[in-house]
């Protein structure tokens, strides 16, 4: 029997981590040039406002509703909507709703080690 060369990935077998106030993340793709993460934010949680020096990011909502502060604008993203964040643009995601927020964030190159917190 031939060994399967295609490896499928999901939250069931991806590297998991916890961040913020009980938020979850799963590394679906983890390389220096590309990062794809699925994350879950419980109601009432938020990420710190920050920007990335090099990483360009795309956030895509799978379920729930996100409040995004991008630069000086605030927008709400619903399921099956996304937004691109360019390098050097300050942003913050919040879950102001009463349901879990589940989304993917794609970063190119990877965003880890590239984040600058805005005070």
Protein backbone atom coordinates (compact mmCIF):
# COMPACT_ATOMS: atom_id res chain seq x y z
CA UNK A 1 0.00 0.00 0.00
CA UNK A 2 1.30 3.43 -0.94
CA UNK A 3 1.87 5.96 1.84
CA UNK A 4 -0.42 8.99 1.68
CA UNK A 5 1.58 12.12 0.78
CA UNK A 6 -1.19 14.67 1.34
CA UNK A 7 -1.56 15.72 4.96
CA UNK A 8 -4.83 17.35 5.89
CA UNK A 9 -4.89 19.85 8.74
CA UNK A 10 -7.63 21.00 11.09
CA UNK A 11 -8.07 22.29 14.63
CA UNK A 12 -8.06 18.62 15.66
CA UNK A 13 -4.43 18.04 14.65
CA UNK A 14 -2.87 21.53 14.33
CA UNK A 15 -0.52 23.08 16.88
CA UNK A 16 -2.73 24.81 19.48
CA UNK A 17 -1.98 27.78 21.74
CA UNK A 18 -3.93 29.99 24.13
CA UNK A 19 -3.65 33.78 23.99
CA UNK A 20 -5.26 36.79 25.65
CA UNK A 21 -8.21 36.10 27.91
CA UNK A 22 -8.95 32.44 27.11
CA UNK A 23 -8.72 32.81 23.32
CA UNK A 24 -7.54 29.87 21.19
CA UNK A 25 -5.33 29.66 18.13
CA UNK A 26 -4.39 26.80 15.80
CA UNK A 27 -1.44 27.01 13.38
CA UNK A 28 -2.85 25.60 10.15
CA UNK A 29 0.21 26.68 8.13
CA UNK A 30 3.37 27.77 9.92
CA UNK A 31 6.39 28.89 7.91
CA UNK A 32 8.58 31.99 7.77
CA UNK A 33 6.95 33.16 4.53
CA UNK A 34 3.31 32.29 5.29
CA UNK A 35 1.18 31.84 8.40
CA UNK A 36 -2.45 30.74 8.45
CA UNK A 37 -4.07 30.56 11.87
CA UNK A 38 -7.62 29.77 12.93
CA UNK A 39 -8.59 31.58 16.13
CA UNK A 40 -11.51 31.62 18.54
CA UNK A 41 -12.39 34.59 20.73
CA UNK A 42 -15.04 34.19 23.45
CA UNK A 43 -17.59 36.99 23.96
CA UNK A 44 -16.16 40.19 25.45
CA UNK A 45 -12.52 39.50 24.54
CA UNK A 46 -10.11 41.62 22.53
CA UNK A 47 -6.63 41.70 21.15
CA UNK A 48 -4.23 44.54 22.01
CA UNK A 49 -3.95 47.34 19.45
CA UNK A 50 -0.80 46.81 17.40
CA UNK A 51 0.77 46.91 13.96
CA UNK A 52 3.26 44.77 12.07
CA UNK A 53 6.45 46.08 10.52
CA UNK A 54 6.48 43.65 7.59
CA UNK A 55 3.49 41.31 7.73
CA UNK A 56 0.49 41.87 5.51
CA UNK A 57 -2.59 40.20 7.01
CA UNK A 58 -6.01 39.05 5.91
CA UNK A 59 -8.70 38.34 8.52
CA UNK A 60 -11.67 36.19 7.43
CA UNK A 61 -14.65 35.58 9.71
CA UNK A 62 -15.93 31.99 9.79
CA UNK A 63 -18.63 32.52 12.43
CA UNK A 64 -19.72 35.30 14.76
CA UNK A 65 -19.11 39.03 14.36
CA UNK A 66 -15.87 40.96 14.83
CA UNK A 67 -15.35 44.61 15.63
CA UNK A 68 -12.16 45.79 13.92
CA UNK A 69 -10.37 49.04 14.59
CA UNK A 70 -8.15 49.72 11.60
CA UNK A 71 -6.23 52.96 11.70
CA UNK A 72 -8.85 55.56 12.70
CA UNK A 73 -11.85 53.55 11.46
CA UNK A 74 -14.06 50.98 13.17
CA UNK A 75 -15.87 48.34 11.13
CA UNK A 76 -17.85 45.20 11.86
CA UNK A 77 -17.20 41.98 10.00
CA UNK A 78 -19.79 39.22 9.84
CA UNK A 79 -19.43 35.58 8.84
CA UNK A 80 -17.92 35.15 5.36
CA UNK A 81 -16.48 38.69 5.29
CA UNK A 82 -12.83 39.64 5.46
CA UNK A 83 -10.45 42.57 5.54
CA UNK A 84 -6.82 43.09 4.55
CA UNK A 85 -4.44 44.93 6.86
CA UNK A 86 -1.27 46.35 5.33
CA UNK A 87 2.05 46.59 7.20
CA UNK A 88 2.42 49.57 9.59
CA UNK A 89 -1.38 49.98 9.97
CA UNK A 90 -2.50 49.82 13.60
CA UNK A 91 -5.39 47.43 14.23
CA UNK A 92 -7.32 45.68 16.97
CA UNK A 93 -9.97 42.96 16.86
CA UNK A 94 -12.71 42.70 19.50
CA UNK A 95 -15.59 40.37 20.10
CA UNK A 96 -18.31 42.70 21.38
CA UNK A 97 -21.02 40.08 20.76
CA UNK A 98 -22.51 37.42 23.02
CA UNK A 99 -21.29 34.52 20.80
CA UNK A 100 -17.88 33.03 20.04
CA UNK A 101 -15.99 34.62 17.17
CA UNK A 102 -14.11 32.19 14.90
CA UNK A 103 -11.85 33.48 12.12
CA UNK A 104 -8.71 32.85 10.15
CA UNK A 105 -5.80 35.22 9.90
CA UNK A 106 -3.36 34.82 7.03
CA UNK A 107 -0.02 36.62 7.39
CA UNK A 108 2.66 37.06 4.76
CA UNK A 109 5.39 36.85 5.90
CA UNK A 110 4.64 35.39 9.34
CA UNK A 111 3.54 37.97 11.92
CA UNK A 112 5.11 36.39 15.00
CA UNK A 113 8.06 38.50 16.14
CA UNK A 114 6.88 41.35 13.92
CA UNK A 115 4.25 42.92 16.21
CA UNK A 116 4.55 46.39 17.75
CA UNK A 117 2.04 47.28 20.47
CA UNK A 118 0.39 50.70 20.20
CA UNK A 119 -0.05 52.45 23.52
